[in-house]
Amino acid sequence: MRKFRLFAPVLLVAGLAACSHGHKTTILTGNGTATVTTSQDNQTATITTKGGSMTMGKGAVDISKLGVPVYPGAVAGAGGYAMSGPQGSGEMATLTTADPFEKVYQWYKSQMPAGSQQMKVESGDSSIAEFAVSKSANDRTTIMITSKKDETDIVVTHSVSVPSPAGEAP
């Protein structure tokens, strides 16, 4: 809850800044300064503080650099973020396709390494599947596939954590 209270004013300013026509604003917070930069097309906003940075919006993540296959013809959604700080980094990107869930699921099943499927659940009109791969104990990528009506959504998340020095608690 404390982190939310500290970050909420920054998110409010980011939201207000996103309504403008691409500019940079620096604000004073309880933890120092935060710089909010919006793109000229108002599709992305970046917040930078002494603790790290976060870019959110359309195009915030380059899916091709996440190290997992991208479903052919899937379209990037407006939602997504990339953030980095002293403890590591993380990205989340959303994709959508009109292809049915089962087709998308089978494609990922054939593309992902053996043993990477975490789950597949189908109930009524809803379906969900998850695949996860780890390059190391600190580097993990997850693909979540969900269905709804006439489209299938694919959410790719990637996180890299910085290992704590020996003897320190994370």
N, C-alpha and C. Protein backbone atom coordinates (compact mmCIF):
# COMPACT_ATOMS: atom_id res chain seq x y z
N MET A 1 0.83 -1.20 0.00
CA MET A 1 0.00 0.00 0.00
C MET A 1 0.87 1.25 0.00
N ARG A 2 2.00 1.21 0.74
CA ARG A 2 2.88 2.37 0.81
C ARG A 2 3.44 2.71 -0.57
N LYS A 3 3.83 1.68 -1.35
CA LYS A 3 4.36 1.92 -2.68
C LYS A 3 3.30 2.58 -3.56
N PHE A 4 2.05 2.15 -3.42
CA PHE A 4 0.98 2.74 -4.22
C PHE A 4 0.83 4.22 -3.88
N ARG A 5 0.86 4.56 -2.58
CA ARG A 5 0.71 5.95 -2.19
C ARG A 5 1.85 6.81 -2.72
N LEU A 6 3.04 6.23 -2.80
CA LEU A 6 4.18 6.98 -3.31
C LEU A 6 4.12 7.13 -4.82
N PHE A 7 3.61 6.11 -5.50
CA PHE A 7 3.61 6.11 -6.96
C PHE A 7 2.34 6.73 -7.55
N ALA A 8 1.26 6.79 -6.79
CA ALA A 8 -0.01 7.31 -7.29
C ALA A 8 0.10 8.74 -7.82
N PRO A 9 0.77 9.67 -7.12
CA PRO A 9 0.87 11.03 -7.68
C PRO A 9 1.61 11.04 -9.03
N VAL A 10 2.60 10.20 -9.16
CA VAL A 10 3.35 10.14 -10.41
C VAL A 10 2.44 9.63 -11.53
N LEU A 11 1.64 8.60 -11.25
CA LEU A 11 0.71 8.09 -12.26
C LEU A 11 -0.32 9.14 -12.66
N LEU A 12 -0.79 9.92 -11.68
CA LEU A 12 -1.74 10.99 -11.98
C LEU A 12 -1.12 12.00 -12.92
N VAL A 13 0.11 12.41 -12.63
CA VAL A 13 0.78 13.37 -13.49
C VAL A 13 1.01 12.77 -14.87
N ALA A 14 1.37 11.49 -14.92
CA ALA A 14 1.58 10.82 -16.22
C ALA A 14 0.30 10.83 -17.03
N GLY A 15 -0.81 10.56 -16.38
CA GLY A 15 -2.09 10.57 -17.08
C GLY A 15 -2.43 11.95 -17.61
N LEU A 16 -2.17 12.97 -16.81
CA LEU A 16 -2.43 14.33 -17.27
C LEU A 16 -1.48 14.71 -18.40
N ALA A 17 -0.23 14.30 -18.29
CA ALA A 17 0.75 14.63 -19.32
C ALA A 17 0.40 13.95 -20.63
N ALA A 18 -0.18 12.75 -20.56
CA ALA A 18 -0.53 12.02 -21.77
C ALA A 18 -1.62 12.72 -22.57
N CYS A 19 -2.34 13.62 -21.94
CA CYS A 19 -3.40 14.35 -22.64
C CYS A 19 -2.84 15.50 -23.47
N SER A 20 -1.59 15.83 -23.28
CA SER A 20 -1.01 16.94 -24.03
C SER A 20 -0.43 16.45 -25.35
N HIS A 21 0.34 17.30 -26.01
CA HIS A 21 0.88 16.97 -27.33
C HIS A 21 2.37 16.71 -27.25
N GLY A 22 2.79 15.72 -26.49
CA GLY A 22 4.17 15.32 -26.43
C GLY A 22 5.05 16.37 -25.78
N HIS A 23 5.36 16.16 -24.54
CA HIS A 23 6.26 17.08 -23.87
C HIS A 23 6.88 16.41 -22.65
N LYS A 24 7.70 17.17 -21.97
CA LYS A 24 8.43 16.69 -20.80
C LYS A 24 8.08 17.59 -19.62
N THR A 25 7.73 16.95 -18.49
CA THR A 25 7.38 17.68 -17.28
C THR A 25 8.15 17.08 -16.12
N THR A 26 8.71 17.92 -15.28
CA THR A 26 9.39 17.45 -14.08
C THR A 26 8.58 17.91 -12.88
N ILE A 27 8.31 16.96 -11.97
CA ILE A 27 7.53 17.29 -10.77
C ILE A 27 8.32 16.90 -9.54
N LEU A 28 8.03 17.53 -8.44
CA LEU A 28 8.65 17.24 -7.16
C LEU A 28 7.72 16.29 -6.39
N THR A 29 8.26 15.16 -5.95
CA THR A 29 7.48 14.19 -5.17
C THR A 29 8.10 14.09 -3.79
N GLY A 30 7.51 13.29 -2.94
CA GLY A 30 8.05 13.06 -1.61
C GLY A 30 9.39 12.34 -1.63
N ASN A 31 9.72 11.73 -2.75
CA ASN A 31 10.99 10.99 -2.88
C ASN A 31 11.95 11.65 -3.85
N GLY A 32 11.78 12.89 -4.17
CA GLY A 32 12.65 13.57 -5.12
C GLY A 32 11.86 14.04 -6.32
N THR A 33 12.49 14.00 -7.48
CA THR A 33 11.81 14.46 -8.68
C THR A 33 11.42 13.29 -9.56
N ALA A 34 10.41 13.52 -10.38
CA ALA A 34 9.97 12.55 -11.38
C ALA A 34 9.80 13.34 -12.68
N THR A 35 10.33 12.78 -13.75
CA THR A 35 10.18 13.40 -15.05
C THR A 35 9.21 12.55 -15.87
N VAL A 36 8.20 13.20 -16.42
CA VAL A 36 7.21 12.52 -17.24
C VAL A 36 7.36 13.04 -18.66
N THR A 37 7.61 12.12 -19.59
CA THR A 37 7.78 12.49 -20.98
C THR A 37 6.74 11.75 -21.81
N THR A 38 6.02 12.48 -22.66
CA THR A 38 5.04 11.84 -23.54
C THR A 38 5.54 11.95 -24.97
N SER A 39 5.17 10.95 -25.77
CA SER A 39 5.55 10.95 -27.17
C SER A 39 4.72 11.96 -27.94
N GLN A 40 5.22 12.37 -29.10
CA GLN A 40 4.50 13.33 -29.93
C GLN A 40 3.12 12.83 -30.32
N ASP A 41 2.99 11.51 -30.53
CA ASP A 41 1.70 10.95 -30.94
C ASP A 41 0.81 10.58 -29.75
N ASN A 42 1.27 10.88 -28.54
CA ASN A 42 0.53 10.58 -27.31
C ASN A 42 0.23 9.10 -27.13
N GLN A 43 1.06 8.23 -27.71
CA GLN A 43 0.86 6.79 -27.59
C GLN A 43 1.64 6.20 -26.42
N THR A 44 2.70 6.90 -25.97
CA THR A 44 3.49 6.39 -24.85
C THR A 44 3.84 7.51 -23.88
N ALA A 45 4.08 7.10 -22.65
CA ALA A 45 4.54 8.02 -21.62
C ALA A 45 5.65 7.32 -20.85
N THR A 46 6.67 8.09 -20.47
CA THR A 46 7.78 7.55 -19.69
C THR A 46 7.91 8.35 -18.41
N ILE A 47 8.02 7.64 -17.29
CA ILE A 47 8.24 8.25 -15.99
C ILE A 47 9.64 7.85 -15.54
N THR A 48 10.44 8.83 -15.18
CA THR A 48 11.80 8.56 -14.73
C THR A 48 11.99 9.19 -13.35
N THR A 49 12.46 8.37 -12.42
CA THR A 49 12.76 8.84 -11.06
C THR A 49 14.15 8.33 -10.70
N LYS A 50 14.64 8.71 -9.52
CA LYS A 50 15.95 8.22 -9.09
C LYS A 50 15.92 6.69 -8.89
N GLY A 51 14.74 6.12 -8.74
CA GLY A 51 14.61 4.68 -8.52
C GLY A 51 14.47 3.86 -9.79
N GLY A 52 14.39 4.53 -10.95
CA GLY A 52 14.26 3.79 -12.20
C GLY A 52 13.33 4.49 -13.17
N SER A 53 12.92 3.75 -14.19
CA SER A 53 12.03 4.35 -15.18
C SER A 53 10.98 3.34 -15.62
N MET A 54 9.89 3.88 -16.15
CA MET A 54 8.80 3.06 -16.67
C MET A 54 8.23 3.75 -17.90
N THR A 55 8.16 2.99 -19.00
CA THR A 55 7.53 3.46 -20.22
C THR A 55 6.28 2.64 -20.42
N MET A 56 5.16 3.30 -20.71
CA MET A 56 3.90 2.58 -20.90
C MET A 56 3.17 3.09 -22.12
N GLY A 57 2.39 2.20 -22.71
CA GLY A 57 1.59 2.57 -23.87
C GLY A 57 1.96 1.75 -25.09
N LYS A 58 1.41 2.14 -26.20
CA LYS A 58 1.63 1.42 -27.46
C LYS A 58 3.09 1.56 -27.89
N GLY A 59 3.71 0.44 -28.19
CA GLY A 59 5.10 0.45 -28.63
C GLY A 59 6.12 0.55 -27.51
N ALA A 60 5.68 0.44 -26.27
CA ALA A 60 6.61 0.53 -25.14
C ALA A 60 7.57 -0.66 -25.12
N VAL A 61 7.17 -1.77 -25.71
CA VAL A 61 7.98 -2.99 -25.70
C VAL A 61 8.21 -3.46 -27.13
N ASP A 62 9.46 -3.81 -27.44
CA ASP A 62 9.79 -4.41 -28.72
C ASP A 62 9.69 -5.93 -28.52
N ILE A 63 8.58 -6.50 -28.97
CA ILE A 63 8.30 -7.92 -28.76
C ILE A 63 9.41 -8.80 -29.33
N SER A 64 10.01 -8.39 -30.41
CA SER A 64 11.05 -9.22 -31.05
C SER A 64 12.27 -9.40 -30.16
N LYS A 65 12.43 -8.56 -29.14
CA LYS A 65 13.60 -8.66 -28.26
C LYS A 65 13.32 -9.43 -26.97
N LEU A 66 12.13 -10.02 -26.84
CA LEU A 66 11.80 -10.73 -25.62
C LEU A 66 12.29 -12.18 -25.62
N GLY A 67 12.75 -12.65 -26.76
CA GLY A 67 13.33 -13.99 -26.82
C GLY A 67 12.34 -15.13 -26.92
N VAL A 68 11.09 -14.84 -27.28
CA VAL A 68 10.09 -15.89 -27.48
C VAL A 68 9.42 -15.67 -28.83
N PRO A 69 8.86 -16.73 -29.41
CA PRO A 69 8.19 -16.57 -30.70
C PRO A 69 6.96 -15.65 -30.58
N VAL A 70 6.70 -14.93 -31.65
CA VAL A 70 5.53 -14.05 -31.73
C VAL A 70 4.57 -14.67 -32.73
N TYR A 71 3.33 -14.87 -32.32
CA TYR A 71 2.34 -15.51 -33.17
C TYR A 71 2.18 -14.72 -34.48
N PRO A 72 2.28 -15.40 -35.63
CA PRO A 72 2.18 -14.72 -36.93
C PRO A 72 0.86 -13.98 -37.10
N GLY A 73 0.94 -12.73 -37.49
CA GLY A 73 -0.25 -11.92 -37.74
C GLY A 73 -0.85 -11.28 -36.51
N ALA A 74 -0.32 -11.58 -35.32
CA ALA A 74 -0.84 -10.95 -34.10
C ALA A 74 -0.51 -9.47 -34.12
N VAL A 75 -1.44 -8.67 -33.66
CA VAL A 75 -1.29 -7.22 -33.67
C VAL A 75 -1.03 -6.73 -32.24
N ALA A 76 -0.04 -5.87 -32.10
CA ALA A 76 0.27 -5.31 -30.78
C ALA A 76 -0.86 -4.42 -30.32
N GLY A 77 -1.22 -4.55 -29.05
CA GLY A 77 -2.26 -3.72 -28.47
C GLY A 77 -1.69 -2.42 -27.93
N ALA A 78 -2.57 -1.57 -27.44
CA ALA A 78 -2.15 -0.28 -26.91
C ALA A 78 -1.52 -0.43 -25.53
N GLY A 79 -1.84 -1.51 -24.83
CA GLY A 79 -1.30 -1.70 -23.49
C GLY A 79 0.06 -2.35 -23.52
N GLY A 80 0.90 -1.94 -22.64
CA GLY A 80 2.21 -2.53 -22.50
C GLY A 80 3.07 -1.62 -21.65
N TYR A 81 4.12 -2.19 -21.08
CA TYR A 81 5.05 -1.37 -20.31
C TYR A 81 6.42 -2.01 -20.28
N ALA A 82 7.40 -1.17 -20.06
CA ALA A 82 8.78 -1.60 -19.82
C ALA A 82 9.28 -0.78 -18.65
N MET A 83 9.87 -1.44 -17.67
CA MET A 83 10.38 -0.71 -16.52
C MET A 83 11.73 -1.26 -16.10
N SER A 84 12.54 -0.42 -15.49
CA SER A 84 13.84 -0.86 -15.01
C SER A 84 14.22 -0.07 -13.78
N GLY A 85 15.00 -0.71 -12.94
CA GLY A 85 15.46 -0.10 -11.71
C GLY A 85 16.58 -0.92 -11.13
N PRO A 86 17.03 -0.58 -9.95
CA PRO A 86 18.17 -1.27 -9.33
C PRO A 86 17.93 -2.77 -9.09
N GLN A 87 16.69 -3.19 -8.89
CA GLN A 87 16.41 -4.60 -8.63
C GLN A 87 16.19 -5.42 -9.90
N GLY A 88 16.14 -4.75 -11.07
CA GLY A 88 15.96 -5.50 -12.30
C GLY A 88 15.08 -4.75 -13.28
N SER A 89 14.52 -5.53 -14.22
CA SER A 89 13.69 -4.92 -15.25
C SER A 89 12.54 -5.85 -15.59
N GLY A 90 11.53 -5.30 -16.23
CA GLY A 90 10.39 -6.10 -16.63
C GLY A 90 9.65 -5.45 -17.78
N GLU A 91 9.05 -6.30 -18.60
CA GLU A 91 8.25 -5.82 -19.72
C GLU A 91 6.97 -6.64 -19.80
N MET A 92 5.93 -6.02 -20.32
CA MET A 92 4.68 -6.71 -20.57
C MET A 92 4.11 -6.14 -21.86
N ALA A 93 3.77 -7.03 -22.79
CA ALA A 93 3.19 -6.60 -24.06
C ALA A 93 1.94 -7.40 -24.34
N THR A 94 0.97 -6.77 -24.98
CA THR A 94 -0.27 -7.45 -25.34
C THR A 94 -0.38 -7.55 -26.86
N LEU A 95 -0.89 -8.68 -27.31
CA LEU A 95 -1.11 -8.93 -28.74
C LEU A 95 -2.52 -9.49 -28.90
N THR A 96 -3.09 -9.29 -30.06
CA THR A 96 -4.44 -9.81 -30.34
C THR A 96 -4.46 -10.41 -31.74
N THR A 97 -5.23 -11.48 -31.89
CA THR A 97 -5.45 -12.09 -33.19
C THR A 97 -6.90 -12.55 -33.28
N ALA A 98 -7.42 -12.58 -34.49
CA ALA A 98 -8.78 -13.08 -34.71
C ALA A 98 -8.80 -14.61 -34.79
N ASP A 99 -7.63 -15.23 -34.83
CA ASP A 99 -7.56 -16.70 -34.90
C ASP A 99 -8.13 -17.31 -33.63
N PRO A 100 -8.73 -18.50 -33.76
CA PRO A 100 -9.30 -19.15 -32.57
C PRO A 100 -8.22 -19.58 -31.57
N PHE A 101 -8.63 -19.65 -30.32
CA PHE A 101 -7.72 -20.02 -29.24
C PHE A 101 -6.94 -21.29 -29.56
N GLU A 102 -7.62 -22.34 -29.99
CA GLU A 102 -6.95 -23.63 -30.19
C GLU A 102 -5.84 -23.54 -31.23
N LYS A 103 -6.03 -22.76 -32.26
CA LYS A 103 -4.99 -22.58 -33.29
C LYS A 103 -3.77 -21.87 -32.69
N VAL A 104 -4.01 -20.83 -31.93
CA VAL A 104 -2.91 -20.08 -31.30
C VAL A 104 -2.20 -20.97 -30.29
N TYR A 105 -2.97 -21.68 -29.48
CA TYR A 105 -2.39 -22.58 -28.49
C TYR A 105 -1.50 -23.64 -29.15
N GLN A 106 -2.00 -24.27 -30.20
CA GLN A 106 -1.23 -25.32 -30.89
C GLN A 106 0.05 -24.76 -31.50
N TRP A 107 -0.02 -23.54 -32.03
CA TRP A 107 1.17 -22.92 -32.60
C TRP A 107 2.22 -22.71 -31.52
N TYR A 108 1.81 -22.14 -30.38
CA TYR A 108 2.77 -21.93 -29.29
C TYR A 108 3.29 -23.26 -28.75
N LYS A 109 2.45 -24.24 -28.64
CA LYS A 109 2.87 -25.55 -28.15
C LYS A 109 3.98 -26.12 -29.05
N SER A 110 3.87 -25.89 -30.36
CA SER A 110 4.89 -26.40 -31.29
C SER A 110 6.16 -25.54 -31.30
N GLN A 111 6.06 -24.30 -30.86
CA GLN A 111 7.20 -23.38 -30.89
C GLN A 111 7.99 -23.31 -29.59
N MET A 112 7.34 -23.59 -28.49
CA MET A 112 7.98 -23.44 -27.19
C MET A 112 8.73 -24.72 -26.80
N PRO A 113 9.74 -24.60 -25.94
CA PRO A 113 10.50 -25.78 -25.53
C PRO A 113 9.63 -26.79 -24.78
N ALA A 114 10.03 -28.05 -24.88
CA ALA A 114 9.33 -29.11 -24.14
C ALA A 114 9.34 -28.77 -22.65
N GLY A 115 8.21 -29.01 -22.00
CA GLY A 115 8.10 -28.75 -20.56
C GLY A 115 7.79 -27.30 -20.20
N SER A 116 7.63 -26.43 -21.19
CA SER A 116 7.37 -25.02 -20.87
C SER A 116 5.89 -24.73 -20.62
N GLN A 117 5.00 -25.65 -21.02
CA GLN A 117 3.58 -25.42 -20.78
C GLN A 117 3.30 -25.55 -19.29
N GLN A 118 2.69 -24.53 -18.72
CA GLN A 118 2.37 -24.51 -17.30
C GLN A 118 0.94 -24.95 -17.04
N MET A 119 0.03 -24.59 -17.96
CA MET A 119 -1.36 -24.97 -17.78
C MET A 119 -2.15 -24.74 -19.05
N LYS A 120 -3.30 -25.40 -19.12
CA LYS A 120 -4.31 -25.15 -20.15
C LYS A 120 -5.64 -25.51 -19.52
N VAL A 121 -6.56 -24.55 -19.49
CA VAL A 121 -7.87 -24.75 -18.88
C VAL A 121 -8.93 -24.25 -19.85
N GLU A 122 -9.96 -25.07 -20.06
CA GLU A 122 -11.09 -24.68 -20.89
C GLU A 122 -12.36 -24.91 -20.10
N SER A 123 -13.21 -23.89 -20.08
CA SER A 123 -14.47 -23.99 -19.35
C SER A 123 -15.51 -23.15 -20.08
N GLY A 124 -16.49 -23.81 -20.62
CA GLY A 124 -17.53 -23.07 -21.36
C GLY A 124 -16.93 -22.35 -22.55
N ASP A 125 -17.14 -21.04 -22.61
CA ASP A 125 -16.61 -20.23 -23.71
C ASP A 125 -15.23 -19.66 -23.42
N SER A 126 -14.66 -19.99 -22.28
CA SER A 126 -13.37 -19.42 -21.90
C SER A 126 -12.26 -20.46 -21.98
N SER A 127 -11.10 -20.00 -22.42
CA SER A 127 -9.92 -20.85 -22.46
C SER A 127 -8.71 -20.03 -22.06
N ILE A 128 -7.75 -20.69 -21.41
CA ILE A 128 -6.52 -20.01 -21.01
C ILE A 128 -5.39 -21.04 -21.03
N ALA A 129 -4.23 -20.59 -21.48
CA ALA A 129 -3.04 -21.44 -21.47
C ALA A 129 -1.85 -20.57 -21.12
N GLU A 130 -0.86 -21.20 -20.49
CA GLU A 130 0.34 -20.46 -20.10
C GLU A 130 1.57 -21.28 -20.42
N PHE A 131 2.58 -20.60 -20.95
CA PHE A 131 3.89 -21.18 -21.20
C PHE A 131 4.91 -20.30 -20.48
N ALA A 132 5.97 -20.90 -19.96
CA ALA A 132 7.02 -20.13 -19.28
C ALA A 132 8.38 -20.72 -19.60
N VAL A 133 9.33 -19.84 -19.84
CA VAL A 133 10.72 -20.25 -20.08
C VAL A 133 11.63 -19.38 -19.23
N SER A 134 12.70 -19.99 -18.75
CA SER A 134 13.68 -19.27 -17.94
C SER A 134 15.06 -19.46 -18.56
N LYS A 135 15.73 -18.35 -18.80
CA LYS A 135 17.11 -18.42 -19.27
C LYS A 135 18.05 -18.66 -18.10
N SER A 136 17.62 -18.22 -16.92
CA SER A 136 18.36 -18.41 -15.68
C SER A 136 17.37 -18.25 -14.53
N ALA A 137 17.86 -18.40 -13.30
CA ALA A 137 16.98 -18.24 -12.14
C ALA A 137 16.45 -16.81 -12.04
N ASN A 138 17.11 -15.86 -12.69
CA ASN A 138 16.73 -14.45 -12.60
C ASN A 138 16.10 -13.89 -13.87
N ASP A 139 15.90 -14.73 -14.88
CA ASP A 139 15.41 -14.26 -16.18
C ASP A 139 14.28 -15.18 -16.64
N ARG A 140 13.05 -14.67 -16.63
CA ARG A 140 11.87 -15.50 -16.93
C ARG A 140 10.93 -14.78 -17.90
N THR A 141 10.41 -15.55 -18.86
CA THR A 141 9.43 -15.04 -19.80
C THR A 141 8.20 -15.93 -19.76
N THR A 142 7.02 -15.31 -19.74
CA THR A 142 5.76 -16.03 -19.67
C THR A 142 4.87 -15.58 -20.83
N ILE A 143 4.18 -16.55 -21.44
CA ILE A 143 3.19 -16.26 -22.48
C ILE A 143 1.85 -16.76 -21.98
N MET A 144 0.87 -15.88 -21.89
CA MET A 144 -0.48 -16.22 -21.45
C MET A 144 -1.41 -16.02 -22.64
N ILE A 145 -2.17 -17.06 -22.98
CA ILE A 145 -3.10 -17.01 -24.10
C ILE A 145 -4.51 -17.13 -23.53
N THR A 146 -5.38 -16.20 -23.88
CA THR A 146 -6.77 -16.25 -23.41
C THR A 146 -7.71 -16.01 -24.58
N SER A 147 -8.91 -16.54 -24.46
CA SER A 147 -9.90 -16.34 -25.51
C SER A 147 -11.07 -15.52 -24.99
N LYS A 148 -11.65 -14.76 -25.90
CA LYS A 148 -12.89 -14.04 -25.59
C LYS A 148 -13.60 -13.78 -26.90
N LYS A 149 -14.82 -14.15 -26.97
CA LYS A 149 -15.66 -13.98 -28.15
C LYS A 149 -14.91 -14.29 -29.43
N ASP A 150 -14.67 -13.27 -30.27
CA ASP A 150 -14.10 -13.49 -31.60
C ASP A 150 -12.61 -13.19 -31.69
N GLU A 151 -11.90 -13.16 -30.55
CA GLU A 151 -10.48 -12.90 -30.62
C GLU A 151 -9.73 -13.67 -29.54
N THR A 152 -8.43 -13.78 -29.77
CA THR A 152 -7.55 -14.42 -28.81
C THR A 152 -6.50 -13.41 -28.41
N ASP A 153 -6.28 -13.26 -27.12
CA ASP A 153 -5.28 -12.33 -26.61
C ASP A 153 -4.05 -13.11 -26.17
N ILE A 154 -2.91 -12.51 -26.40
CA ILE A 154 -1.62 -13.08 -26.01
C ILE A 154 -0.91 -12.02 -25.19
N VAL A 155 -0.52 -12.36 -23.97
CA VAL A 155 0.21 -11.43 -23.12
C VAL A 155 1.59 -12.04 -22.85
N VAL A 156 2.62 -11.29 -23.21
CA VAL A 156 3.99 -11.74 -23.00
C VAL A 156 4.60 -10.88 -21.90
N THR A 157 5.11 -11.53 -20.86
CA THR A 157 5.80 -10.81 -19.78
C THR A 157 7.22 -11.33 -19.68
N HIS A 158 8.12 -10.46 -19.38
CA HIS A 158 9.53 -10.82 -19.23
C HIS A 158 10.08 -10.08 -18.03
N SER A 159 10.79 -10.77 -17.17
CA SER A 159 11.40 -10.11 -16.01
C SER A 159 12.81 -10.62 -15.80
N VAL A 160 13.66 -9.70 -15.41
CA VAL A 160 15.05 -10.02 -15.07
C VAL A 160 15.31 -9.36 -13.73
N SER A 161 15.63 -10.18 -12.74
CA SER A 161 15.93 -9.61 -11.42
C SER A 161 17.44 -9.63 -11.20
N VAL A 162 17.91 -8.64 -10.47
CA VAL A 162 19.33 -8.56 -10.14
C VAL A 162 19.54 -9.39 -8.87
N PRO A 163 20.44 -10.38 -8.92
CA PRO A 163 20.68 -11.20 -7.73
C PRO A 163 21.18 -10.34 -6.57
N SER A 164 20.70 -10.66 -5.38
CA SER A 164 21.17 -9.98 -4.18
C SER A 164 22.59 -10.44 -3.87
N PRO A 165 23.43 -9.52 -3.41
CA PRO A 165 24.78 -9.96 -3.01
C PRO A 165 24.69 -11.01 -1.92
N ALA A 166 25.67 -11.89 -1.87
CA ALA A 166 25.67 -12.98 -0.88
C ALA A 166 25.48 -12.44 0.52
N GLY A 167 24.59 -13.06 1.26
CA GLY A 167 24.35 -12.68 2.65
C GLY A 167 23.28 -11.62 2.83
N GLU A 168 22.82 -10.99 1.76
CA GLU A 168 21.77 -9.96 1.90
C GLU A 168 20.41 -10.55 1.60
N ALA A 169 19.41 -10.10 2.32
CA ALA A 169 18.03 -10.53 2.04
C ALA A 169 17.54 -9.78 0.82
N PRO A 170 16.71 -10.43 -0.04
CA PRO A 170 16.19 -9.74 -1.23
C PRO A 170 15.25 -8.63 -0.89
